Amino acid sequence: MITYRTATDADFGQIVDFVFELQTHIVALDPLERLIVNRELLVDYIQKLMAKVAAHGAAFIAEEDGVPVGMIVGVIEPQDPDELAWTIPTKHGEVEELYVDLKVRGQGVATKLLDMLEQYFIDEGCDAVVLSVFRGNQTAHSMYLKRGYHDRTQRMLKVLKRG
């Protein structure tokens, strides 16, 4: 049976491991081979992310028989005043990381984790949720579309040749 709980400081290493697995997956999807995973820098990133969570965010863990099998991390950032030139005033939450172990994918774990984080954002007065998904991660992209997320912007990359 899969259960869900709020992440604690004791989950830090597991969150690092999950994000490492996620980034390793994303690296494998990169047709331009421009992505890497640096565990040392990843630890630093997660430390900074969890400090944001402590200030204005939430993190949840999914467990199967007491073993972590998924996680979600989200934060609420103040709107950049410059954005008011092109968007309505808003308070939005951002899904920073979402990972579900392969062995439990397709069992609604990501859906439940998103439900929990979205409810946190609602309780905190947010009127929208934003997230980023790597272009090649079609499984995740499809899941987000089914949950009511919409494609909004697209970053593009061109590799420049030297010489």
C-alpha atoms as a PDB file:
ATOM      1  CA  MET A   1       0.000   0.000   0.000  1.00  0.00           C
ATOM      2  CA  ILE A   2       1.277   3.456  -0.880  1.00  0.00           C
ATOM      3  CA  THR A   3       1.104   6.156   1.778  1.00  0.00           C
ATOM      4  CA  TYR A   4       1.939   9.847   1.647  1.00  0.00           C
ATOM      5  CA  ARG A   5       3.490  12.226   4.139  1.00  0.00           C
ATOM      6  CA  THR A   6       5.213  15.563   4.470  1.00  0.00           C
ATOM      7  CA  ALA A   7       8.958  15.355   3.885  1.00  0.00           C
ATOM      8  CA  THR A   8      11.278  15.962   6.839  1.00  0.00           C
ATOM      9  CA  ASP A   9      14.951  16.886   7.139  1.00  0.00           C
ATOM     10  CA  ALA A  10      15.672  13.156   7.393  1.00  0.00           C
ATOM     11  CA  ASP A  11      14.488  12.766   3.774  1.00  0.00           C
ATOM     12  CA  PHE A  12      17.231  15.012   2.362  1.00  0.00           C
ATOM     13  CA  GLY A  13      19.413  12.149   1.096  1.00  0.00           C
ATOM     14  CA  GLN A  14      16.433  10.397  -0.458  1.00  0.00           C
ATOM     15  CA  ILE A  15      15.356  13.585  -2.234  1.00  0.00           C
ATOM     16  CA  VAL A  16      18.889  13.955  -3.615  1.00  0.00           C
ATOM     17  CA  ASP A  17      18.774  10.343  -4.819  1.00  0.00           C
ATOM     18  CA  PHE A  18      15.375  10.853  -6.481  1.00  0.00           C
ATOM     19  CA  VAL A  19      16.465  14.049  -8.251  1.00  0.00           C
ATOM     20  CA  PHE A  20      19.665  12.305  -9.344  1.00  0.00           C
ATOM     21  CA  GLU A  21      17.557   9.507 -10.875  1.00  0.00           C
ATOM     22  CA  LEU A  22      15.265  12.047 -12.541  1.00  0.00           C
ATOM     23  CA  GLN A  23      18.160  14.022 -14.006  1.00  0.00           C
ATOM     24  CA  THR A  24      19.845  10.817 -15.199  1.00  0.00           C
ATOM     25  CA  HIS A  25      16.605   9.988 -17.024  1.00  0.00           C
ATOM     26  CA  ILE A  26      16.464  13.486 -18.561  1.00  0.00           C
ATOM     27  CA  VAL A  27      20.102  13.233 -19.685  1.00  0.00           C
ATOM     28  CA  ALA A  28      19.211  10.035 -21.550  1.00  0.00           C
ATOM     29  CA  LEU A  29      16.376  11.866 -23.343  1.00  0.00           C
ATOM     30  CA  ASP A  30      18.576  14.760 -24.526  1.00  0.00           C
ATOM     31  CA  PRO A  31      19.153  14.391 -28.291  1.00  0.00           C
ATOM     32  CA  LEU A  32      21.730  17.213 -28.254  1.00  0.00           C
ATOM     33  CA  GLU A  33      23.716  15.585 -25.438  1.00  0.00           C
ATOM     34  CA  ARG A  34      24.077  18.922 -23.627  1.00  0.00           C
ATOM     35  CA  LEU A  35      22.943  17.762 -20.184  1.00  0.00           C
ATOM     36  CA  ILE A  36      24.954  16.149 -17.398  1.00  0.00           C
ATOM     37  CA  VAL A  37      24.371  15.178 -13.777  1.00  0.00           C
ATOM     38  CA  ASN A  38      26.899  16.396 -11.214  1.00  0.00           C
ATOM     39  CA  ARG A  39      25.986  14.886  -7.844  1.00  0.00           C
ATOM     40  CA  GLU A  40      28.060  17.371  -5.824  1.00  0.00           C
ATOM     41  CA  LEU A  41      26.342  20.343  -7.457  1.00  0.00           C
ATOM     42  CA  LEU A  42      23.011  18.548  -7.187  1.00  0.00           C
ATOM     43  CA  VAL A  43      23.439  18.309  -3.394  1.00  0.00           C
ATOM     44  CA  ASP A  44      24.058  22.056  -3.278  1.00  0.00           C
ATOM     45  CA  TYR A  45      20.958  22.684  -5.431  1.00  0.00           C
ATOM     46  CA  ILE A  46      18.781  20.513  -3.162  1.00  0.00           C
ATOM     47  CA  GLN A  47      20.094  22.306  -0.055  1.00  0.00           C
ATOM     48  CA  LYS A  48      19.064  25.650  -1.577  1.00  0.00           C
ATOM     49  CA  LEU A  49      15.736  24.248  -2.744  1.00  0.00           C
ATOM     50  CA  MET A  50      14.879  22.833   0.685  1.00  0.00           C
ATOM     51  CA  ALA A  51      15.752  26.193   2.284  1.00  0.00           C
ATOM     52  CA  LYS A  52      13.139  27.749  -0.033  1.00  0.00           C
ATOM     53  CA  VAL A  53      10.686  25.034   0.979  1.00  0.00           C
ATOM     54  CA  ALA A  54      11.276  25.822   4.647  1.00  0.00           C
ATOM     55  CA  ALA A  55      10.514  29.489   3.959  1.00  0.00           C
ATOM     56  CA  HIS A  56       7.535  29.150   1.600  1.00  0.00           C
ATOM     57  CA  GLY A  57       6.986  25.740   0.108  1.00  0.00           C
ATOM     58  CA  ALA A  58       6.146  22.107   0.655  1.00  0.00           C
ATOM     59  CA  ALA A  59       7.626  18.681  -0.034  1.00  0.00           C
ATOM     60  CA  PHE A  60       5.847  15.354   0.140  1.00  0.00           C
ATOM     61  CA  ILE A  61       7.061  11.756   0.069  1.00  0.00           C
ATOM     62  CA  ALA A  62       5.242   8.673  -1.228  1.00  0.00           C
ATOM     63  CA  GLU A  63       6.132   5.386   0.466  1.00  0.00           C
ATOM     64  CA  GLU A  64       5.344   1.772  -0.226  1.00  0.00           C
ATOM     65  CA  ASP A  65       5.632  -0.359   2.903  1.00  0.00           C
ATOM     66  CA  GLY A  66       7.783   2.356   4.507  1.00  0.00           C
ATOM     67  CA  VAL A  67      10.183   2.646   1.546  1.00  0.00           C
ATOM     68  CA  PRO A  68      10.201   5.972  -0.338  1.00  0.00           C
ATOM     69  CA  VAL A  69       8.992   5.559  -3.941  1.00  0.00           C
ATOM     70  CA  GLY A  70       8.297   9.145  -4.956  1.00  0.00           C
ATOM     71  CA  MET A  71       8.453  12.797  -4.021  1.00  0.00           C
ATOM     72  CA  ILE A  72       7.323  16.248  -5.016  1.00  0.00           C
ATOM     73  CA  VAL A  73       8.803  19.620  -4.066  1.00  0.00           C
ATOM     74  CA  GLY A  74       7.186  22.989  -4.678  1.00  0.00           C
ATOM     75  CA  VAL A  75       7.718  26.603  -3.684  1.00  0.00           C
ATOM     76  CA  ILE A  76       5.859  29.892  -3.784  1.00  0.00           C
ATOM     77  CA  GLU A  77       7.990  32.711  -5.163  1.00  0.00           C
ATOM     78  CA  PRO A  78       6.951  36.357  -5.194  1.00  0.00           C
ATOM     79  CA  GLN A  79       5.968  37.600  -8.634  1.00  0.00           C
ATOM     80  CA  ASP A  80       8.716  39.521 -10.383  1.00  0.00           C
ATOM     81  CA  PRO A  81       7.457  43.131 -10.656  1.00  0.00           C
ATOM     82  CA  ASP A  82       8.766  43.281 -14.239  1.00  0.00           C
ATOM     83  CA  GLU A  83       6.286  40.532 -15.196  1.00  0.00           C
ATOM     84  CA  LEU A  84       3.437  42.971 -14.579  1.00  0.00           C
ATOM     85  CA  ALA A  85       4.288  44.505 -17.957  1.00  0.00           C
ATOM     86  CA  TRP A  86       2.929  41.361 -19.673  1.00  0.00           C
ATOM     87  CA  THR A  87       0.865  39.365 -17.173  1.00  0.00           C
ATOM     88  CA  ILE A  88      -1.876  39.894 -14.622  1.00  0.00           C
ATOM     89  CA  PRO A  89      -0.941  40.116 -10.946  1.00  0.00           C
ATOM     90  CA  THR A  90      -0.736  36.572  -9.619  1.00  0.00           C
ATOM     91  CA  LYS A  91       0.462  34.413  -6.785  1.00  0.00           C
ATOM     92  CA  HIS A  92       1.598  31.082  -8.143  1.00  0.00           C
ATOM     93  CA  GLY A  93       3.243  27.978  -6.845  1.00  0.00           C
ATOM     94  CA  GLU A  94       5.933  26.206  -8.782  1.00  0.00           C
ATOM     95  CA  VAL A  95       6.502  22.463  -8.969  1.00  0.00           C
ATOM     96  CA  GLU A  96      10.288  22.274  -8.742  1.00  0.00           C
ATOM     97  CA  GLU A  97      10.780  18.509  -8.681  1.00  0.00           C
ATOM     98  CA  LEU A  98       8.513  15.481  -9.129  1.00  0.00           C
ATOM     99  CA  TYR A  99       9.795  11.921  -9.235  1.00  0.00           C
ATOM    100  CA  VAL A 100       8.129   8.514  -9.041  1.00  0.00           C
ATOM    101  CA  ASP A 101      10.071   5.247  -8.979  1.00  0.00           C
ATOM    102  CA  LEU A 102       9.639   3.086 -12.082  1.00  0.00           C
ATOM    103  CA  LYS A 103       8.208   0.188 -10.068  1.00  0.00           C
ATOM    104  CA  VAL A 104       5.142   2.209  -9.005  1.00  0.00           C
ATOM    105  CA  ARG A 105       4.573   4.379 -12.089  1.00  0.00           C
ATOM    106  CA  GLY A 106       1.081   4.119 -13.482  1.00  0.00           C
ATOM    107  CA  GLN A 107      -0.430   3.618 -10.013  1.00  0.00           C
ATOM    108  CA  GLY A 108      -1.522   7.222  -9.488  1.00  0.00           C
ATOM    109  CA  VAL A 109       1.435   8.227  -7.311  1.00  0.00           C
ATOM    110  CA  ALA A 110       2.310  11.330  -9.352  1.00  0.00           C
ATOM    111  CA  THR A 111      -1.361  12.318  -9.419  1.00  0.00           C
ATOM    112  CA  LYS A 112      -1.679  12.044  -5.642  1.00  0.00           C
ATOM    113  CA  LEU A 113       1.567  13.956  -5.054  1.00  0.00           C
ATOM    114  CA  LEU A 114       0.402  16.720  -7.422  1.00  0.00           C
ATOM    115  CA  ASP A 115      -2.980  16.804  -5.653  1.00  0.00           C
ATOM    116  CA  MET A 116      -1.237  17.306  -2.313  1.00  0.00           C
ATOM    117  CA  LEU A 117       1.033  20.069  -3.572  1.00  0.00           C
ATOM    118  CA  GLU A 118      -1.774  21.817  -5.463  1.00  0.00           C
ATOM    119  CA  GLN A 119      -3.883  21.771  -2.283  1.00  0.00           C
ATOM    120  CA  TYR A 120      -0.984  23.325  -0.372  1.00  0.00           C
ATOM    121  CA  PHE A 121      -0.789  26.075  -2.998  1.00  0.00           C
ATOM    122  CA  ILE A 122      -4.557  26.662  -2.792  1.00  0.00           C
ATOM    123  CA  ASP A 123      -4.368  26.855   1.015  1.00  0.00           C
ATOM    124  CA  GLU A 124      -1.591  29.454   0.645  1.00  0.00           C
ATOM    125  CA  GLY A 125      -3.707  31.623  -1.668  1.00  0.00           C
ATOM    126  CA  CYS A 126      -2.127  30.744  -5.003  1.00  0.00           C
ATOM    127  CA  ASP A 127      -4.204  31.148  -8.143  1.00  0.00           C
ATOM    128  CA  ALA A 128      -1.994  29.114 -10.502  1.00  0.00           C
ATOM    129  CA  VAL A 129       0.695  26.443 -10.633  1.00  0.00           C
ATOM    130  CA  VAL A 130       3.639  26.462 -13.030  1.00  0.00           C
ATOM    131  CA  LEU A 131       6.167  23.783 -13.864  1.00  0.00           C
ATOM    132  CA  SER A 132       8.761  22.909 -16.454  1.00  0.00           C
ATOM    133  CA  VAL A 133       9.057  19.624 -18.281  1.00  0.00           C
ATOM    134  CA  PHE A 134      11.929  18.601 -20.549  1.00  0.00           C
ATOM    135  CA  ARG A 135      10.774  18.531 -24.166  1.00  0.00           C
ATOM    136  CA  GLY A 136      11.696  14.867 -24.655  1.00  0.00           C
ATOM    137  CA  ASN A 137       9.865  13.699 -21.525  1.00  0.00           C
ATOM    138  CA  GLN A 138       6.619  12.903 -23.335  1.00  0.00           C
ATOM    139  CA  THR A 139       5.250  10.669 -20.575  1.00  0.00           C
ATOM    140  CA  ALA A 140       5.411  13.471 -18.024  1.00  0.00           C
ATOM    141  CA  HIS A 141       4.169  16.047 -20.536  1.00  0.00           C
ATOM    142  CA  SER A 142       1.113  13.917 -21.353  1.00  0.00           C
ATOM    143  CA  MET A 143       0.339  13.417 -17.664  1.00  0.00           C
ATOM    144  CA  TYR A 144       0.466  17.170 -17.020  1.00  0.00           C
ATOM    145  CA  LEU A 145      -1.832  17.872 -19.982  1.00  0.00           C
ATOM    146  CA  LYS A 146      -4.349  15.326 -18.667  1.00  0.00           C
ATOM    147  CA  ARG A 147      -4.282  17.123 -15.306  1.00  0.00           C
ATOM    148  CA  GLY A 148      -5.217  20.453 -16.869  1.00  0.00           C
ATOM    149  CA  TYR A 149      -1.798  22.025 -17.357  1.00  0.00           C
ATOM    150  CA  HIS A 150      -1.264  23.995 -20.570  1.00  0.00           C
ATOM    151  CA  ASP A 151       1.804  24.578 -22.706  1.00  0.00           C
ATOM    152  CA  ARG A 152       2.720  28.249 -22.276  1.00  0.00           C
ATOM    153  CA  THR A 153       6.258  28.926 -23.460  1.00  0.00           C
ATOM    154  CA  GLN A 154       8.974  26.978 -25.168  1.00  0.00           C
ATOM    155  CA  ARG A 155      12.708  27.583 -24.889  1.00  0.00           C
ATOM    156  CA  MET A 156      14.784  26.636 -27.872  1.00  0.00           C
ATOM    157  CA  LEU A 157      18.470  25.849 -28.219  1.00  0.00           C
ATOM    158  CA  LYS A 158      20.860  25.966 -31.138  1.00  0.00           C
ATOM    159  CA  VAL A 159      24.333  24.503 -30.759  1.00  0.00           C
ATOM    160  CA  LEU A 160      26.876  26.881 -32.286  1.00  0.00           C
ATOM    161  CA  LYS A 161      29.857  25.566 -34.170  1.00  0.00           C
ATOM    162  CA  ARG A 162      33.189  27.222 -33.483  1.00  0.00           C
ATOM    163  CA  GLY A 163      35.701  28.121 -36.116  1.00  0.00           C
END
